[in-house]
Amino acid sequence: MDFEAREATVFQRNEITEHYIYKNFVGRISGVKNRRIISQIADDEMRHYTIWKSYTQKDVNPDRLKIWFYNFVSTLFGVFFGIKLMEKSEKAVHDQYSRIPGSYKEINGIIRDEEEHEQALTTLIDEDLLKSTAHLVLGFNNSLIEITGILSGLTFALQKTSLVAITALVAGIAATLSMTVSRYLSAKSEYSGKNPLVTALSTGVSYIIIVVLLVLPYLLFTNLYLCLGISLVSAFCVMSLFSYYIAVCRNMVFKSRFLEVVSLSLAVAILSALAGYGLNFLYVNFM
């Protein structure tokens, strides 16, 4: 038979691994409907494992590293994010199963199950997460775009790293306080049941982290343009990570979202740099 036993073992291991991943998700996801869907998928994965075991005639241990990875990711970014990553995994598994020889008669049933899993996972909705990510998008995008613009403008206007660092920190702290107060008032008017102060502080903390991260090169190095370059690269790295997070949670295309955010940020940075250069030129020559 062309389809080798070791490949069947790979599928068997994948099924038992996903069983444990989904089983871990069940107790951590909110909503009765969502828990029922995840629990059913976990049971299906165990049944698929049993089908593959009938071919391999042996037990297979799960991939502990993969289980740990999804536990870590779901703990760090939320279980909903972990589940949405698993949704992508289900699509990959479906593609693999579609290439299995037809002599494995039970495979059609497994393929149908995987298709149903893929569809079921797309229906999972965490309204609180979607709302919180919307606020995170606002906070991070504002801080990244605003601070990169400020640093670009100040770099060409002040021409001294220490002055740029102090001025940018003052501007960043003021922007953080403003954003925190705005988020507090917004959360208080939403009546979502969450503590407005905690929500506002989480926004403020995320904002000030971005400020410190982007200003830090100006405190460590003396070359203005090296500092600006490091800050821009750092900003783009954060943008890529956060854009990927939002793309996964909201089933969006990562590339288009990332390019949009980077293009807007780069445009702001360039215009701010031109403004800073123009102001410096006016100061040096006419004042």
C-alpha atoms as a PDB file:
ATOM      1  CA  MET A   1       0.000   0.000   0.000  1.00  0.00           C
ATOM      2  CA  ASP A   2       1.452   3.423  -1.000  1.00  0.00           C
ATOM      3  CA  PHE A   3       0.287   5.135   2.146  1.00  0.00           C
ATOM      4  CA  GLU A   4       2.908   4.034   4.666  1.00  0.00           C
ATOM      5  CA  ALA A   5       2.231   3.026   8.261  1.00  0.00           C
ATOM      6  CA  ARG A   6       4.500   5.731   9.658  1.00  0.00           C
ATOM      7  CA  GLU A   7       2.344   8.395   7.990  1.00  0.00           C
ATOM      8  CA  ALA A   8      -0.715   6.893   9.643  1.00  0.00           C
ATOM      9  CA  THR A   9       1.184   7.168  12.936  1.00  0.00           C
ATOM     10  CA  VAL A  10       1.778  10.868  12.274  1.00  0.00           C
ATOM     11  CA  PHE A  11      -1.963  11.432  11.796  1.00  0.00           C
ATOM     12  CA  GLN A  12      -2.689   9.356  14.889  1.00  0.00           C
ATOM     13  CA  ARG A  13      -0.327  11.465  16.968  1.00  0.00           C
ATOM     14  CA  ASN A  14      -1.804  14.671  15.600  1.00  0.00           C
ATOM     15  CA  GLU A  15      -5.320  13.553  16.587  1.00  0.00           C
ATOM     16  CA  ILE A  16      -4.419  12.676  20.178  1.00  0.00           C
ATOM     17  CA  THR A  17      -2.447  15.917  20.499  1.00  0.00           C
ATOM     18  CA  GLU A  18      -5.380  18.016  19.321  1.00  0.00           C
ATOM     19  CA  HIS A  19      -7.686  16.079  21.631  1.00  0.00           C
ATOM     20  CA  TYR A  20      -5.674  17.239  24.652  1.00  0.00           C
ATOM     21  CA  ILE A  21      -5.366  20.805  23.350  1.00  0.00           C
ATOM     22  CA  TYR A  22      -9.109  21.148  22.863  1.00  0.00           C
ATOM     23  CA  LYS A  23      -9.769  19.411  26.176  1.00  0.00           C
ATOM     24  CA  ASN A  24      -7.633  22.046  27.912  1.00  0.00           C
ATOM     25  CA  PHE A  25      -9.591  24.787  26.147  1.00  0.00           C
ATOM     26  CA  VAL A  26     -12.972  23.511  27.382  1.00  0.00           C
ATOM     27  CA  GLY A  27     -12.535  24.648  30.964  1.00  0.00           C
ATOM     28  CA  ARG A  28     -11.108  28.009  29.997  1.00  0.00           C
ATOM     29  CA  ILE A  29     -13.516  29.318  27.365  1.00  0.00           C
ATOM     30  CA  SER A  30     -16.605  31.346  28.247  1.00  0.00           C
ATOM     31  CA  GLY A  31     -20.115  30.594  27.063  1.00  0.00           C
ATOM     32  CA  VAL A  32     -22.046  27.321  27.240  1.00  0.00           C
ATOM     33  CA  LYS A  33     -22.358  27.094  23.450  1.00  0.00           C
ATOM     34  CA  ASN A  34     -18.640  27.679  22.935  1.00  0.00           C
ATOM     35  CA  ARG A  35     -17.722  25.048  25.546  1.00  0.00           C
ATOM     36  CA  ARG A  36     -20.093  22.536  23.948  1.00  0.00           C
ATOM     37  CA  ILE A  37     -18.500  23.074  20.526  1.00  0.00           C
ATOM     38  CA  ILE A  38     -14.947  22.677  21.843  1.00  0.00           C
ATOM     39  CA  SER A  39     -15.904  19.623  23.905  1.00  0.00           C
ATOM     40  CA  GLN A  40     -17.466  17.955  20.860  1.00  0.00           C
ATOM     41  CA  ILE A  41     -14.347  18.638  18.791  1.00  0.00           C
ATOM     42  CA  ALA A  42     -12.164  17.142  21.535  1.00  0.00           C
ATOM     43  CA  ASP A  43     -14.320  13.988  21.545  1.00  0.00           C
ATOM     44  CA  ASP A  44     -14.133  13.757  17.746  1.00  0.00           C
ATOM     45  CA  GLU A  45     -10.351  14.007  17.816  1.00  0.00           C
ATOM     46  CA  MET A  46     -10.192  11.101  20.267  1.00  0.00           C
ATOM     47  CA  ARG A  47     -12.479   9.063  17.997  1.00  0.00           C
ATOM     48  CA  HIS A  48     -10.201   9.849  15.032  1.00  0.00           C
ATOM     49  CA  TYR A  49      -7.237   8.702  17.115  1.00  0.00           C
ATOM     50  CA  THR A  50      -8.996   5.386  17.721  1.00  0.00           C
ATOM     51  CA  ILE A  51      -9.624   4.955  13.985  1.00  0.00           C
ATOM     52  CA  TRP A  52      -5.941   5.473  13.199  1.00  0.00           C
ATOM     53  CA  LYS A  53      -5.012   3.113  16.028  1.00  0.00           C
ATOM     54  CA  SER A  54      -7.004   0.366  14.271  1.00  0.00           C
ATOM     55  CA  TYR A  55      -4.541   0.720  11.358  1.00  0.00           C
ATOM     56  CA  THR A  56      -1.295   1.167  13.300  1.00  0.00           C
ATOM     57  CA  GLN A  57      -2.177  -1.329  16.044  1.00  0.00           C
ATOM     58  CA  LYS A  58      -0.317   0.686  18.658  1.00  0.00           C
ATOM     59  CA  ASP A  59      -0.702   3.554  21.084  1.00  0.00           C
ATOM     60  CA  VAL A  60       0.959   6.882  20.291  1.00  0.00           C
ATOM     61  CA  ASN A  61       1.945   9.610  22.756  1.00  0.00           C
ATOM     62  CA  PRO A  62       0.752  13.167  22.080  1.00  0.00           C
ATOM     63  CA  ASP A  63       3.111  15.954  21.057  1.00  0.00           C
ATOM     64  CA  ARG A  64       3.825  17.482  24.464  1.00  0.00           C
ATOM     65  CA  LEU A  65       5.640  20.470  22.976  1.00  0.00           C
ATOM     66  CA  LYS A  66       2.637  21.387  20.816  1.00  0.00           C
ATOM     67  CA  ILE A  67       0.302  21.044  23.801  1.00  0.00           C
ATOM     68  CA  TRP A  68       2.601  23.255  25.864  1.00  0.00           C
ATOM     69  CA  PHE A  69       2.801  25.807  23.046  1.00  0.00           C
ATOM     70  CA  TYR A  70      -0.972  26.201  22.812  1.00  0.00           C
ATOM     71  CA  ASN A  71      -1.304  26.377  26.584  1.00  0.00           C
ATOM     72  CA  PHE A  72       1.370  29.069  26.678  1.00  0.00           C
ATOM     73  CA  VAL A  73      -0.136  31.063  23.806  1.00  0.00           C
ATOM     74  CA  SER A  74      -3.665  30.874  25.205  1.00  0.00           C
ATOM     75  CA  THR A  75      -2.421  31.932  28.637  1.00  0.00           C
ATOM     76  CA  LEU A  76      -0.452  34.860  27.244  1.00  0.00           C
ATOM     77  CA  PHE A  77      -2.913  36.098  24.610  1.00  0.00           C
ATOM     78  CA  GLY A  78      -6.187  34.517  25.706  1.00  0.00           C
ATOM     79  CA  VAL A  79      -7.851  31.179  25.005  1.00  0.00           C
ATOM     80  CA  PHE A  80      -9.853  32.658  22.135  1.00  0.00           C
ATOM     81  CA  PHE A  81      -6.603  33.481  20.332  1.00  0.00           C
ATOM     82  CA  GLY A  82      -5.386  29.919  20.883  1.00  0.00           C
ATOM     83  CA  ILE A  83      -8.626  28.530  19.461  1.00  0.00           C
ATOM     84  CA  LYS A  84      -8.403  30.752  16.393  1.00  0.00           C
ATOM     85  CA  LEU A  85      -4.875  29.422  15.812  1.00  0.00           C
ATOM     86  CA  MET A  86      -6.283  25.913  16.048  1.00  0.00           C
ATOM     87  CA  GLU A  87      -8.819  26.894  13.405  1.00  0.00           C
ATOM     88  CA  LYS A  88      -5.921  27.439  11.014  1.00  0.00           C
ATOM     89  CA  SER A  89      -4.512  24.065  12.055  1.00  0.00           C
ATOM     90  CA  GLU A  90      -7.841  22.399  11.234  1.00  0.00           C
ATOM     91  CA  LYS A  91      -7.642  23.791   7.690  1.00  0.00           C
ATOM     92  CA  ALA A  92      -4.144  22.362   7.271  1.00  0.00           C
ATOM     93  CA  VAL A  93      -5.266  18.955   8.578  1.00  0.00           C
ATOM     94  CA  HIS A  94      -8.200  18.939   6.163  1.00  0.00           C
ATOM     95  CA  ASP A  95      -5.794  19.541   3.263  1.00  0.00           C
ATOM     96  CA  GLN A  96      -3.598  16.656   4.434  1.00  0.00           C
ATOM     97  CA  TYR A  97      -6.512  14.257   4.756  1.00  0.00           C
ATOM     98  CA  SER A  98      -7.754  15.101   1.274  1.00  0.00           C
ATOM     99  CA  ARG A  99      -4.557  13.521  -0.115  1.00  0.00           C
ATOM    100  CA  ILE A 100      -4.991  10.185   1.687  1.00  0.00           C
ATOM    101  CA  PRO A 101      -5.678   7.162  -0.567  1.00  0.00           C
ATOM    102  CA  GLY A 102      -9.323   6.142  -0.877  1.00  0.00           C
ATOM    103  CA  SER A 103      -8.538   2.627   0.393  1.00  0.00           C
ATOM    104  CA  TYR A 104      -8.788   4.031   3.900  1.00  0.00           C
ATOM    105  CA  LYS A 105     -12.568   3.898   3.936  1.00  0.00           C
ATOM    106  CA  GLU A 106     -13.061   5.638   7.308  1.00  0.00           C
ATOM    107  CA  ILE A 107     -11.140   8.695   6.145  1.00  0.00           C
ATOM    108  CA  ASN A 108     -14.156  10.240   4.400  1.00  0.00           C
ATOM    109  CA  GLY A 109     -15.890  10.417   7.772  1.00  0.00           C
ATOM    110  CA  ILE A 110     -12.827  12.021   9.341  1.00  0.00           C
ATOM    111  CA  ILE A 111     -12.642  14.551   6.506  1.00  0.00           C
ATOM    112  CA  ARG A 112     -16.299  15.463   7.050  1.00  0.00           C
ATOM    113  CA  ASP A 113     -15.606  15.895  10.765  1.00  0.00           C
ATOM    114  CA  GLU A 114     -12.610  18.146  10.053  1.00  0.00           C
ATOM    115  CA  GLU A 115     -14.740  20.273   7.717  1.00  0.00           C
ATOM    116  CA  GLU A 116     -17.372  20.579  10.444  1.00  0.00           C
ATOM    117  CA  HIS A 117     -14.688  21.501  12.974  1.00  0.00           C
ATOM    118  CA  GLU A 118     -13.414  24.213  10.674  1.00  0.00           C
ATOM    119  CA  GLN A 119     -16.922  25.633  10.261  1.00  0.00           C
ATOM    120  CA  ALA A 120     -17.724  25.321  13.991  1.00  0.00           C
ATOM    121  CA  LEU A 121     -14.574  27.157  15.028  1.00  0.00           C
ATOM    122  CA  THR A 122     -15.434  30.092  12.761  1.00  0.00           C
ATOM    123  CA  THR A 123     -18.717  30.522  14.679  1.00  0.00           C
ATOM    124  CA  LEU A 124     -17.000  30.976  18.031  1.00  0.00           C
ATOM    125  CA  ILE A 125     -17.366  34.553  19.192  1.00  0.00           C
ATOM    126  CA  ASP A 126     -15.986  36.173  22.297  1.00  0.00           C
ATOM    127  CA  GLU A 127     -17.710  39.546  22.394  1.00  0.00           C
ATOM    128  CA  ASP A 128     -15.651  40.770  25.346  1.00  0.00           C
ATOM    129  CA  LEU A 129     -12.443  39.901  23.517  1.00  0.00           C
ATOM    130  CA  LEU A 130     -13.553  41.639  20.335  1.00  0.00           C
ATOM    131  CA  LYS A 131     -14.379  44.767  22.320  1.00  0.00           C
ATOM    132  CA  SER A 132     -11.105  44.638  24.234  1.00  0.00           C
ATOM    133  CA  THR A 133      -9.081  44.113  21.064  1.00  0.00           C
ATOM    134  CA  ALA A 134     -10.801  47.132  19.550  1.00  0.00           C
ATOM    135  CA  HIS A 135      -9.568  49.207  22.509  1.00  0.00           C
ATOM    136  CA  LEU A 136      -6.114  47.644  22.272  1.00  0.00           C
ATOM    137  CA  VAL A 137      -5.990  48.501  18.587  1.00  0.00           C
ATOM    138  CA  LEU A 138      -6.844  52.082  19.411  1.00  0.00           C
ATOM    139  CA  GLY A 139      -4.274  52.316  22.221  1.00  0.00           C
ATOM    140  CA  PHE A 140      -1.386  50.620  20.456  1.00  0.00           C
ATOM    141  CA  ASN A 141      -1.975  52.232  17.079  1.00  0.00           C
ATOM    142  CA  ASN A 142      -2.264  55.656  18.669  1.00  0.00           C
ATOM    143  CA  SER A 143       0.907  55.197  20.713  1.00  0.00           C
ATOM    144  CA  LEU A 144       2.955  53.666  17.896  1.00  0.00           C
ATOM    145  CA  ILE A 145       1.942  56.222  15.278  1.00  0.00           C
ATOM    146  CA  GLU A 146       2.051  59.177  17.643  1.00  0.00           C
ATOM    147  CA  ILE A 147       5.421  58.394  19.228  1.00  0.00           C
ATOM    148  CA  THR A 148       7.123  57.480  15.949  1.00  0.00           C
ATOM    149  CA  GLY A 149       5.866  60.766  14.528  1.00  0.00           C
ATOM    150  CA  ILE A 150       7.067  62.712  17.564  1.00  0.00           C
ATOM    151  CA  LEU A 151      10.498  61.063  17.506  1.00  0.00           C
ATOM    152  CA  SER A 152      10.927  61.632  13.778  1.00  0.00           C
ATOM    153  CA  GLY A 153      10.024  65.285  14.085  1.00  0.00           C
ATOM    154  CA  LEU A 154      12.138  65.919  17.181  1.00  0.00           C
ATOM    155  CA  THR A 155      15.153  64.096  15.732  1.00  0.00           C
ATOM    156  CA  PHE A 156      15.398  66.566  12.845  1.00  0.00           C
ATOM    157  CA  ALA A 157      14.265  69.570  14.874  1.00  0.00           C
ATOM    158  CA  LEU A 158      16.440  69.288  18.001  1.00  0.00           C
ATOM    159  CA  GLN A 159      19.487  67.458  16.582  1.00  0.00           C
ATOM    160  CA  LYS A 160      20.518  66.124  20.015  1.00  0.00           C
ATOM    161  CA  THR A 161      19.639  62.713  21.480  1.00  0.00           C
ATOM    162  CA  SER A 162      19.272  63.872  25.100  1.00  0.00           C
ATOM    163  CA  LEU A 163      16.880  66.675  24.127  1.00  0.00           C
ATOM    164  CA  VAL A 164      14.900  64.327  21.886  1.00  0.00           C
ATOM    165  CA  ALA A 165      14.633  61.746  24.689  1.00  0.00           C
ATOM    166  CA  ILE A 166      13.480  64.233  27.336  1.00  0.00           C
ATOM    167  CA  THR A 167      10.998  65.964  25.057  1.00  0.00           C
ATOM    168  CA  ALA A 168       9.593  62.688  23.699  1.00  0.00           C
ATOM    169  CA  LEU A 169       9.212  61.270  27.213  1.00  0.00           C
ATOM    170  CA  VAL A 170       7.331  64.345  28.384  1.00  0.00           C
ATOM    171  CA  ALA A 171       5.073  64.181  25.318  1.00  0.00           C
ATOM    172  CA  GLY A 172       4.636  60.431  25.764  1.00  0.00           C
ATOM    173  CA  ILE A 173       3.721  60.709  29.445  1.00  0.00           C
ATOM    174  CA  ALA A 174       1.217  63.462  28.673  1.00  0.00           C
ATOM    175  CA  ALA A 175      -0.289  61.335  25.872  1.00  0.00           C
ATOM    176  CA  THR A 176      -0.429  58.310  28.218  1.00  0.00           C
ATOM    177  CA  LEU A 177      -2.283  60.253  30.887  1.00  0.00           C
ATOM    178  CA  SER A 178      -4.675  61.650  28.297  1.00  0.00           C
ATOM    179  CA  MET A 179      -5.361  58.196  26.821  1.00  0.00           C
ATOM    180  CA  THR A 180      -5.817  56.669  30.289  1.00  0.00           C
ATOM    181  CA  VAL A 181      -8.368  59.283  31.321  1.00  0.00           C
ATOM    182  CA  SER A 182     -10.210  58.950  28.005  1.00  0.00           C
ATOM    183  CA  ARG A 183     -10.307  55.165  28.362  1.00  0.00           C
ATOM    184  CA  TYR A 184     -11.595  55.487  31.943  1.00  0.00           C
ATOM    185  CA  LEU A 185     -14.449  57.770  30.905  1.00  0.00           C
ATOM    186  CA  SER A 186     -15.257  55.528  27.940  1.00  0.00           C
ATOM    187  CA  ALA A 187     -15.275  52.331  30.053  1.00  0.00           C
ATOM    188  CA  LYS A 188     -17.400  53.994  32.712  1.00  0.00           C
ATOM    189  CA  SER A 189     -20.067  54.922  30.155  1.00  0.00           C
ATOM    190  CA  GLU A 190     -20.205  51.404  28.649  1.00  0.00           C
ATOM    191  CA  TYR A 191     -21.680  49.682  31.729  1.00  0.00           C
ATOM    192  CA  SER A 192     -19.884  46.465  30.779  1.00  0.00           C
ATOM    193  CA  GLY A 193     -19.502  45.263  34.362  1.00  0.00           C
ATOM    194  CA  LYS A 194     -15.740  45.674  34.246  1.00  0.00           C
ATOM    195  CA  ASN A 195     -13.836  47.983  36.561  1.00  0.00           C
ATOM    196  CA  PRO A 196     -13.259  51.212  34.554  1.00  0.00           C
ATOM    197  CA  LEU A 197     -10.127  51.996  36.558  1.00  0.00           C
ATOM    198  CA  VAL A 198      -8.521  48.608  35.797  1.00  0.00           C
ATOM    199  CA  THR A 199      -9.439  48.945  32.116  1.00  0.00           C
ATOM    200  CA  ALA A 200      -8.006  52.455  31.950  1.00  0.00           C
ATOM    201  CA  LEU A 201      -4.806  51.479  33.760  1.00  0.00           C
ATOM    202  CA  SER A 202      -4.229  48.523  31.429  1.00  0.00           C
ATOM    203  CA  THR A 203      -4.510  50.905  28.482  1.00  0.00           C
ATOM    204  CA  GLY A 204      -2.166  53.389  30.141  1.00  0.00           C
ATOM    205  CA  VAL A 205       0.420  50.720  30.976  1.00  0.00           C
ATOM    206  CA  SER A 206       0.437  49.396  27.398  1.00  0.00           C
ATOM    207  CA  TYR A 207       0.817  52.962  26.109  1.00  0.00           C
ATOM    208  CA  ILE A 208       3.716  53.881  28.384  1.00  0.00           C
ATOM    209  CA  ILE A 209       5.517  50.603  27.538  1.00  0.00           C
ATOM    210  CA  ILE A 210       5.452  51.619  23.884  1.00  0.00           C
ATOM    211  CA  VAL A 211       6.715  55.098  24.768  1.00  0.00           C
ATOM    212  CA  VAL A 212       9.656  53.739  26.787  1.00  0.00           C
ATOM    213  CA  LEU A 213      10.490  51.121  24.143  1.00  0.00           C
ATOM    214  CA  LEU A 214      10.701  53.685  21.344  1.00  0.00           C
ATOM    215  CA  VAL A 215      12.499  56.380  23.341  1.00  0.00           C
ATOM    216  CA  LEU A 216      15.045  53.986  24.891  1.00  0.00           C
ATOM    217  CA  PRO A 217      17.536  54.092  21.956  1.00  0.00           C
ATOM    218  CA  TYR A 218      17.896  57.860  22.476  1.00  0.00           C
ATOM    219  CA  LEU A 219      18.978  57.177  26.069  1.00  0.00           C
ATOM    220  CA  LEU A 220      21.518  54.529  25.067  1.00  0.00           C
ATOM    221  CA  PHE A 221      23.163  55.894  21.907  1.00  0.00           C
ATOM    222  CA  THR A 222      24.405  59.252  20.656  1.00  0.00           C
ATOM    223  CA  ASN A 223      23.920  58.849  16.898  1.00  0.00           C
ATOM    224  CA  LEU A 224      20.601  60.503  16.096  1.00  0.00           C
ATOM    225  CA  TYR A 225      19.821  58.553  12.959  1.00  0.00           C
ATOM    226  CA  LEU A 226      20.820  55.224  14.491  1.00  0.00           C
ATOM    227  CA  CYS A 227      18.415  55.950  17.350  1.00  0.00           C
ATOM    228  CA  LEU A 228      15.625  56.844  14.950  1.00  0.00           C
ATOM    229  CA  GLY A 229      16.300  53.717  12.884  1.00  0.00           C
ATOM    230  CA  ILE A 230      16.172  51.444  15.950  1.00  0.00           C
ATOM    231  CA  SER A 231      12.962  53.098  17.135  1.00  0.00           C
ATOM    232  CA  LEU A 232      11.287  52.665  13.759  1.00  0.00           C
ATOM    233  CA  VAL A 233      12.344  49.012  13.511  1.00  0.00           C
ATOM    234  CA  SER A 234      11.065  48.396  17.055  1.00  0.00           C
ATOM    235  CA  ALA A 235       7.764  50.059  16.173  1.00  0.00           C
ATOM    236  CA  PHE A 236       7.375  47.960  13.030  1.00  0.00           C
ATOM    237  CA  CYS A 237       8.126  44.765  14.980  1.00  0.00           C
ATOM    238  CA  VAL A 238       5.431  45.584  17.533  1.00  0.00           C
ATOM    239  CA  MET A 239       3.048  46.464  14.704  1.00  0.00           C
ATOM    240  CA  SER A 240       3.667  43.102  13.038  1.00  0.00           C
ATOM    241  CA  LEU A 241       3.019  41.146  16.237  1.00  0.00           C
ATOM    242  CA  PHE A 242      -0.083  43.069  17.117  1.00  0.00           C
ATOM    243  CA  SER A 243      -1.418  43.024  13.558  1.00  0.00           C
ATOM    244  CA  TYR A 244      -1.000  39.240  13.521  1.00  0.00           C
ATOM    245  CA  TYR A 245      -2.885  38.970  16.820  1.00  0.00           C
ATOM    246  CA  ILE A 246      -5.792  41.019  15.499  1.00  0.00           C
ATOM    247  CA  ALA A 247      -5.757  39.217  12.152  1.00  0.00           C
ATOM    248  CA  VAL A 248      -6.053  35.822  13.874  1.00  0.00           C
ATOM    249  CA  CYS A 249      -8.787  36.898  16.303  1.00  0.00           C
ATOM    250  CA  ARG A 250     -10.870  38.605  13.635  1.00  0.00           C
ATOM    251  CA  ASN A 251     -10.192  36.291  10.691  1.00  0.00           C
ATOM    252  CA  MET A 252      -8.509  39.062   8.749  1.00  0.00           C
ATOM    253  CA  VAL A 253      -5.668  38.910   6.249  1.00  0.00           C
ATOM    254  CA  PHE A 254      -2.466  39.660   8.167  1.00  0.00           C
ATOM    255  CA  LYS A 255      -0.463  41.030   5.226  1.00  0.00           C
ATOM    256  CA  SER A 256      -2.988  43.661   4.172  1.00  0.00           C
ATOM    257  CA  ARG A 257      -3.585  44.834   7.735  1.00  0.00           C
ATOM    258  CA  PHE A 258       0.125  45.019   8.538  1.00  0.00           C
ATOM    259  CA  LEU A 259       0.947  46.925   5.348  1.00  0.00           C
ATOM    260  CA  GLU A 260      -1.857  49.392   6.045  1.00  0.00           C
ATOM    261  CA  VAL A 261      -0.634  50.147   9.574  1.00  0.00           C
ATOM    262  CA  VAL A 262       3.027  50.358   8.519  1.00  0.00           C
ATOM    263  CA  SER A 263       2.234  52.609   5.541  1.00  0.00           C
ATOM    264  CA  LEU A 264       0.267  55.054   7.679  1.00  0.00           C
ATOM    265  CA  SER A 265       2.937  55.082  10.387  1.00  0.00           C
ATOM    266  CA  LEU A 266       5.698  55.593   7.846  1.00  0.00           C
ATOM    267  CA  ALA A 267       3.771  58.453   6.230  1.00  0.00           C
ATOM    268  CA  VAL A 268       3.334  60.142   9.614  1.00  0.00           C
ATOM    269  CA  ALA A 269       7.038  59.642  10.428  1.00  0.00           C
ATOM    270  CA  ILE A 270       8.167  61.114   7.093  1.00  0.00           C
ATOM    271  CA  LEU A 271       5.852  64.124   7.321  1.00  0.00           C
ATOM    272  CA  SER A 272       6.904  64.721  10.931  1.00  0.00           C
ATOM    273  CA  ALA A 273      10.574  64.481   9.957  1.00  0.00           C
ATOM    274  CA  LEU A 274      10.034  67.037   7.193  1.00  0.00           C
ATOM    275  CA  ALA A 275       8.236  69.327   9.633  1.00  0.00           C
ATOM    276  CA  GLY A 276      11.063  68.952  12.162  1.00  0.00           C
ATOM    277  CA  TYR A 277      13.701  69.639   9.518  1.00  0.00           C
ATOM    278  CA  GLY A 278      11.794  72.695   8.333  1.00  0.00           C
ATOM    279  CA  LEU A 279      11.455  74.084  11.847  1.00  0.00           C
ATOM    280  CA  ASN A 280      15.151  73.517  12.522  1.00  0.00           C
ATOM    281  CA  PHE A 281      16.056  75.260   9.281  1.00  0.00           C
ATOM    282  CA  LEU A 282      13.896  78.265  10.179  1.00  0.00           C
ATOM    283  CA  TYR A 283      15.339  78.442  13.703  1.00  0.00           C
ATOM    284  CA  VAL A 284      18.972  78.231  12.591  1.00  0.00           C
ATOM    285  CA  ASN A 285      18.666  80.717   9.727  1.00  0.00           C
ATOM    286  CA  PHE A 286      16.073  83.231  10.868  1.00  0.00           C
ATOM    287  CA  MET A 287      16.021  83.303  14.662  1.00  0.00           C
END
